[in-house]
Amino acid sequence: MQIPAEAIVFYALTAITVLSGLVVVTSRKLVHSAFALVFAFSGLAGYYVLLSADFLAAAQVLIYVGGILILILFAVMLTHRIESLDIRSETLQLLPAIAGCGAIVVLMLLAVYRTPWAVKEPQVLTQTAQSIGSLFMTDYLLPFEVASVHLLIALVGAVIIAGKRGGQ
């Protein structure tokens, strides 16, 4: 029996995402957690590629993965001894956390096995970025422009606030 390549990629992405997520929450070093978060976000972008959501995959990589890398770069450059910062709290609630996670896993498994899932025929995968772009420039031009003006106002406000704090 031959395993489909898509299934192999899915399970590899799952392993990368789950393991790096565990490193994010269990690491004692801030830099290690941030780099693991980059891998978790990259795994999520891989899921979007498998779902043929190329626009979401590109946005995930540009915004989250790129943003986290820049955050790490600035944190390491501008902060002294960031590598040795211990971010783990001494008060660990291990038993309630295990009980809560176990309850969530049981509920999810019950939902998966008791739900009558509808099975559809696979559809032809198409690119989404071109159709989203044409919708932004035709049917949704006004909301797109209003959102861009709001983002510009927020950016100018952030620069003004940062300028006032820096000059004090």
C-alpha atoms as a PDB file:
ATOM      1  CA  MET A   1       0.000   0.000   0.000  1.00  0.00           C
ATOM      2  CA  GLN A   2       1.429   3.355  -1.049  1.00  0.00           C
ATOM      3  CA  ILE A   3       0.919   6.402   1.167  1.00  0.00           C
ATOM      4  CA  PRO A   4      -0.043   9.547  -0.772  1.00  0.00           C
ATOM      5  CA  ALA A   5       2.537  12.324  -0.797  1.00  0.00           C
ATOM      6  CA  GLU A   6      -0.064  14.784   0.493  1.00  0.00           C
ATOM      7  CA  ALA A   7      -0.573  12.648   3.613  1.00  0.00           C
ATOM      8  CA  ILE A   8       3.179  12.488   4.232  1.00  0.00           C
ATOM      9  CA  VAL A   9       3.462  16.270   3.929  1.00  0.00           C
ATOM     10  CA  PHE A  10       0.445  16.745   6.210  1.00  0.00           C
ATOM     11  CA  TYR A  11       1.898  14.556   8.949  1.00  0.00           C
ATOM     12  CA  ALA A  12       5.317  16.194   8.621  1.00  0.00           C
ATOM     13  CA  LEU A  13       3.734  19.646   8.966  1.00  0.00           C
ATOM     14  CA  THR A  14       1.746  18.404  11.946  1.00  0.00           C
ATOM     15  CA  ALA A  15       4.882  17.117  13.642  1.00  0.00           C
ATOM     16  CA  ILE A  16       6.724  20.392  12.998  1.00  0.00           C
ATOM     17  CA  THR A  17       3.819  22.519  14.218  1.00  0.00           C
ATOM     18  CA  VAL A  18       3.058  20.507  17.357  1.00  0.00           C
ATOM     19  CA  LEU A  19       6.679  20.017  18.389  1.00  0.00           C
ATOM     20  CA  SER A  20       7.589  23.657  17.865  1.00  0.00           C
ATOM     21  CA  GLY A  21       4.433  24.669  19.742  1.00  0.00           C
ATOM     22  CA  LEU A  22       5.589  22.536  22.662  1.00  0.00           C
ATOM     23  CA  VAL A  23       8.985  24.231  22.563  1.00  0.00           C
ATOM     24  CA  VAL A  24       7.237  27.638  22.608  1.00  0.00           C
ATOM     25  CA  VAL A  25       5.405  26.892  25.833  1.00  0.00           C
ATOM     26  CA  THR A  26       8.096  24.865  27.604  1.00  0.00           C
ATOM     27  CA  SER A  27      11.320  26.665  26.727  1.00  0.00           C
ATOM     28  CA  ARG A  28      13.064  28.653  29.418  1.00  0.00           C
ATOM     29  CA  LYS A  29      14.734  30.990  26.915  1.00  0.00           C
ATOM     30  CA  LEU A  30      12.862  33.788  25.182  1.00  0.00           C
ATOM     31  CA  VAL A  31      14.890  33.498  21.984  1.00  0.00           C
ATOM     32  CA  HIS A  32      14.283  29.742  21.759  1.00  0.00           C
ATOM     33  CA  SER A  33      10.544  30.286  22.214  1.00  0.00           C
ATOM     34  CA  ALA A  34      10.490  32.960  19.529  1.00  0.00           C
ATOM     35  CA  PHE A  35      12.363  30.811  17.013  1.00  0.00           C
ATOM     36  CA  ALA A  36      10.071  27.865  17.768  1.00  0.00           C
ATOM     37  CA  LEU A  37       7.114  30.192  17.167  1.00  0.00           C
ATOM     38  CA  VAL A  38       8.534  30.909  13.717  1.00  0.00           C
ATOM     39  CA  PHE A  39       8.460  27.174  12.937  1.00  0.00           C
ATOM     40  CA  ALA A  40       4.913  26.841  14.303  1.00  0.00           C
ATOM     41  CA  PHE A  41       3.749  29.699  12.061  1.00  0.00           C
ATOM     42  CA  SER A  42       5.598  28.170   9.102  1.00  0.00           C
ATOM     43  CA  GLY A  43       3.814  24.872   9.679  1.00  0.00           C
ATOM     44  CA  LEU A  44       0.508  26.712   9.644  1.00  0.00           C
ATOM     45  CA  ALA A  45       1.478  28.342   6.339  1.00  0.00           C
ATOM     46  CA  GLY A  46       2.179  24.846   5.015  1.00  0.00           C
ATOM     47  CA  TYR A  47      -1.370  23.819   5.939  1.00  0.00           C
ATOM     48  CA  TYR A  48      -2.677  26.757   3.924  1.00  0.00           C
ATOM     49  CA  VAL A  49      -0.635  25.593   0.932  1.00  0.00           C
ATOM     50  CA  LEU A  50      -2.127  22.102   1.257  1.00  0.00           C
ATOM     51  CA  LEU A  51      -5.602  23.648   1.295  1.00  0.00           C
ATOM     52  CA  SER A  52      -4.774  25.608  -1.874  1.00  0.00           C
ATOM     53  CA  ALA A  53      -5.127  28.919  -0.033  1.00  0.00           C
ATOM     54  CA  ASP A  54      -2.057  30.543  -1.530  1.00  0.00           C
ATOM     55  CA  PHE A  55      -3.036  34.065  -0.479  1.00  0.00           C
ATOM     56  CA  LEU A  56      -3.403  33.037   3.176  1.00  0.00           C
ATOM     57  CA  ALA A  57      -0.123  31.118   3.037  1.00  0.00           C
ATOM     58  CA  ALA A  58       1.716  34.153   1.665  1.00  0.00           C
ATOM     59  CA  ALA A  59       0.094  36.431   4.247  1.00  0.00           C
ATOM     60  CA  GLN A  60       1.040  34.006   7.027  1.00  0.00           C
ATOM     61  CA  VAL A  61       4.661  33.964   5.917  1.00  0.00           C
ATOM     62  CA  LEU A  62       4.933  37.708   5.347  1.00  0.00           C
ATOM     63  CA  ILE A  63       3.082  38.910   8.429  1.00  0.00           C
ATOM     64  CA  TYR A  64       3.669  36.331  11.116  1.00  0.00           C
ATOM     65  CA  VAL A  65       6.915  34.617  10.182  1.00  0.00           C
ATOM     66  CA  GLY A  66       8.535  37.829   8.964  1.00  0.00           C
ATOM     67  CA  GLY A  67       7.176  39.813  11.886  1.00  0.00           C
ATOM     68  CA  ILE A  68       8.457  37.352  14.459  1.00  0.00           C
ATOM     69  CA  LEU A  69      11.901  37.265  12.860  1.00  0.00           C
ATOM     70  CA  ILE A  70      12.121  41.062  12.916  1.00  0.00           C
ATOM     71  CA  LEU A  71      10.908  41.102  16.511  1.00  0.00           C
ATOM     72  CA  ILE A  72      13.672  38.673  17.477  1.00  0.00           C
ATOM     73  CA  LEU A  73      16.242  40.697  15.575  1.00  0.00           C
ATOM     74  CA  PHE A  74      15.301  43.950  17.308  1.00  0.00           C
ATOM     75  CA  ALA A  75      14.971  42.278  20.713  1.00  0.00           C
ATOM     76  CA  VAL A  76      18.444  40.782  20.475  1.00  0.00           C
ATOM     77  CA  MET A  77      19.990  43.942  19.058  1.00  0.00           C
ATOM     78  CA  LEU A  78      18.370  46.428  21.434  1.00  0.00           C
ATOM     79  CA  THR A  79      18.225  44.458  24.669  1.00  0.00           C
ATOM     80  CA  HIS A  80      21.227  43.370  26.667  1.00  0.00           C
ATOM     81  CA  ARG A  81      21.376  39.774  27.871  1.00  0.00           C
ATOM     82  CA  ILE A  82      18.130  38.719  26.173  1.00  0.00           C
ATOM     83  CA  GLU A  83      19.573  35.254  25.605  1.00  0.00           C
ATOM     84  CA  SER A  84      19.834  34.597  29.327  1.00  0.00           C
ATOM     85  CA  LEU A  85      16.357  35.896  30.210  1.00  0.00           C
ATOM     86  CA  ASP A  86      14.423  33.231  32.093  1.00  0.00           C
ATOM     87  CA  ILE A  87      10.738  33.620  31.223  1.00  0.00           C
ATOM     88  CA  ARG A  88       9.394  30.573  33.009  1.00  0.00           C
ATOM     89  CA  SER A  89       7.389  31.157  36.161  1.00  0.00           C
ATOM     90  CA  GLU A  90       8.213  29.238  39.315  1.00  0.00           C
ATOM     91  CA  THR A  91       4.549  28.525  40.006  1.00  0.00           C
ATOM     92  CA  LEU A  92       3.568  25.663  37.765  1.00  0.00           C
ATOM     93  CA  GLN A  93       0.031  24.353  37.700  1.00  0.00           C
ATOM     94  CA  LEU A  94       0.987  21.028  36.157  1.00  0.00           C
ATOM     95  CA  LEU A  95      -1.874  18.856  37.419  1.00  0.00           C
ATOM     96  CA  PRO A  96      -4.688  21.287  36.468  1.00  0.00           C
ATOM     97  CA  ALA A  97      -3.037  21.803  33.078  1.00  0.00           C
ATOM     98  CA  ILE A  98      -2.838  18.058  32.417  1.00  0.00           C
ATOM     99  CA  ALA A  99      -6.458  17.589  33.543  1.00  0.00           C
ATOM    100  CA  GLY A 100      -7.671  20.464  31.357  1.00  0.00           C
ATOM    101  CA  CYS A 101      -5.743  19.250  28.312  1.00  0.00           C
ATOM    102  CA  GLY A 102      -6.960  15.700  28.849  1.00  0.00           C
ATOM    103  CA  ALA A 103     -10.572  16.874  29.042  1.00  0.00           C
ATOM    104  CA  ILE A 104     -10.179  18.871  25.831  1.00  0.00           C
ATOM    105  CA  VAL A 105      -8.609  15.886  24.041  1.00  0.00           C
ATOM    106  CA  VAL A 106     -11.441  13.603  25.188  1.00  0.00           C
ATOM    107  CA  LEU A 107     -14.088  16.105  24.037  1.00  0.00           C
ATOM    108  CA  MET A 108     -12.393  16.540  20.668  1.00  0.00           C
ATOM    109  CA  LEU A 109     -12.099  12.795  20.123  1.00  0.00           C
ATOM    110  CA  LEU A 110     -15.761  12.346  21.033  1.00  0.00           C
ATOM    111  CA  ALA A 111     -16.701  15.057  18.542  1.00  0.00           C
ATOM    112  CA  VAL A 112     -14.576  13.481  15.817  1.00  0.00           C
ATOM    113  CA  TYR A 113     -15.893   9.945  16.272  1.00  0.00           C
ATOM    114  CA  ARG A 114     -19.567  10.788  16.891  1.00  0.00           C
ATOM    115  CA  THR A 115     -20.010  13.266  14.054  1.00  0.00           C
ATOM    116  CA  PRO A 116     -21.398  11.906  10.777  1.00  0.00           C
ATOM    117  CA  TRP A 117     -18.922  13.537   8.393  1.00  0.00           C
ATOM    118  CA  ALA A 118     -20.078  14.332   4.877  1.00  0.00           C
ATOM    119  CA  VAL A 119     -17.628  13.115   2.255  1.00  0.00           C
ATOM    120  CA  LYS A 120     -17.309  15.131  -0.937  1.00  0.00           C
ATOM    121  CA  GLU A 121     -15.438  14.455  -4.119  1.00  0.00           C
ATOM    122  CA  PRO A 122     -12.072  16.230  -4.304  1.00  0.00           C
ATOM    123  CA  GLN A 123     -12.215  19.483  -6.219  1.00  0.00           C
ATOM    124  CA  VAL A 124      -9.674  20.892  -8.612  1.00  0.00           C
ATOM    125  CA  LEU A 125      -7.349  23.194  -6.695  1.00  0.00           C
ATOM    126  CA  THR A 126      -7.148  26.722  -8.055  1.00  0.00           C
ATOM    127  CA  GLN A 127      -5.140  29.799  -7.165  1.00  0.00           C
ATOM    128  CA  THR A 128      -6.900  32.254  -4.902  1.00  0.00           C
ATOM    129  CA  ALA A 129      -4.667  35.332  -4.946  1.00  0.00           C
ATOM    130  CA  GLN A 130      -5.783  36.487  -8.396  1.00  0.00           C
ATOM    131  CA  SER A 131      -9.491  36.172  -7.596  1.00  0.00           C
ATOM    132  CA  ILE A 132      -9.054  37.948  -4.244  1.00  0.00           C
ATOM    133  CA  GLY A 133      -7.111  40.744  -5.932  1.00  0.00           C
ATOM    134  CA  SER A 134      -9.727  41.232  -8.630  1.00  0.00           C
ATOM    135  CA  LEU A 135     -12.499  41.296  -6.003  1.00  0.00           C
ATOM    136  CA  PHE A 136     -10.568  43.939  -4.023  1.00  0.00           C
ATOM    137  CA  MET A 137     -10.271  46.106  -7.132  1.00  0.00           C
ATOM    138  CA  THR A 138     -13.894  45.709  -8.311  1.00  0.00           C
ATOM    139  CA  ASP A 139     -16.658  44.662  -5.903  1.00  0.00           C
ATOM    140  CA  TYR A 140     -14.926  45.541  -2.625  1.00  0.00           C
ATOM    141  CA  LEU A 141     -12.956  48.626  -3.661  1.00  0.00           C
ATOM    142  CA  LEU A 142     -14.630  51.002  -1.183  1.00  0.00           C
ATOM    143  CA  PRO A 143     -14.182  48.760   1.919  1.00  0.00           C
ATOM    144  CA  PHE A 144     -10.597  48.062   0.819  1.00  0.00           C
ATOM    145  CA  GLU A 145      -9.819  51.779   0.577  1.00  0.00           C
ATOM    146  CA  VAL A 146     -11.556  52.549   3.884  1.00  0.00           C
ATOM    147  CA  ALA A 147      -9.483  49.851   5.599  1.00  0.00           C
ATOM    148  CA  SER A 148      -6.286  51.237   4.067  1.00  0.00           C
ATOM    149  CA  VAL A 149      -7.107  54.767   5.288  1.00  0.00           C
ATOM    150  CA  HIS A 150      -7.782  53.419   8.795  1.00  0.00           C
ATOM    151  CA  LEU A 151      -4.453  51.588   8.794  1.00  0.00           C
ATOM    152  CA  LEU A 152      -2.682  54.744   7.618  1.00  0.00           C
ATOM    153  CA  ILE A 153      -4.301  56.757  10.432  1.00  0.00           C
ATOM    154  CA  ALA A 154      -3.252  54.119  12.986  1.00  0.00           C
ATOM    155  CA  LEU A 155       0.316  54.179  11.646  1.00  0.00           C
ATOM    156  CA  VAL A 156       0.524  57.988  11.821  1.00  0.00           C
ATOM    157  CA  GLY A 157      -0.910  57.890  15.357  1.00  0.00           C
ATOM    158  CA  ALA A 158       1.670  55.315  16.439  1.00  0.00           C
ATOM    159  CA  VAL A 159       4.485  57.439  15.013  1.00  0.00           C
ATOM    160  CA  ILE A 160       3.180  60.537  16.811  1.00  0.00           C
ATOM    161  CA  ILE A 161       2.846  58.668  20.139  1.00  0.00           C
ATOM    162  CA  ALA A 162       6.305  57.133  19.760  1.00  0.00           C
ATOM    163  CA  GLY A 163       7.764  60.552  18.886  1.00  0.00           C
ATOM    164  CA  LYS A 164       6.276  62.145  22.000  1.00  0.00           C
ATOM    165  CA  ARG A 165       7.631  59.407  24.269  1.00  0.00           C
ATOM    166  CA  GLY A 166      11.058  59.464  22.650  1.00  0.00           C
ATOM    167  CA  GLY A 167      11.389  63.238  23.031  1.00  0.00           C
ATOM    168  CA  GLN A 168      10.578  63.285  26.766  1.00  0.00           C
END
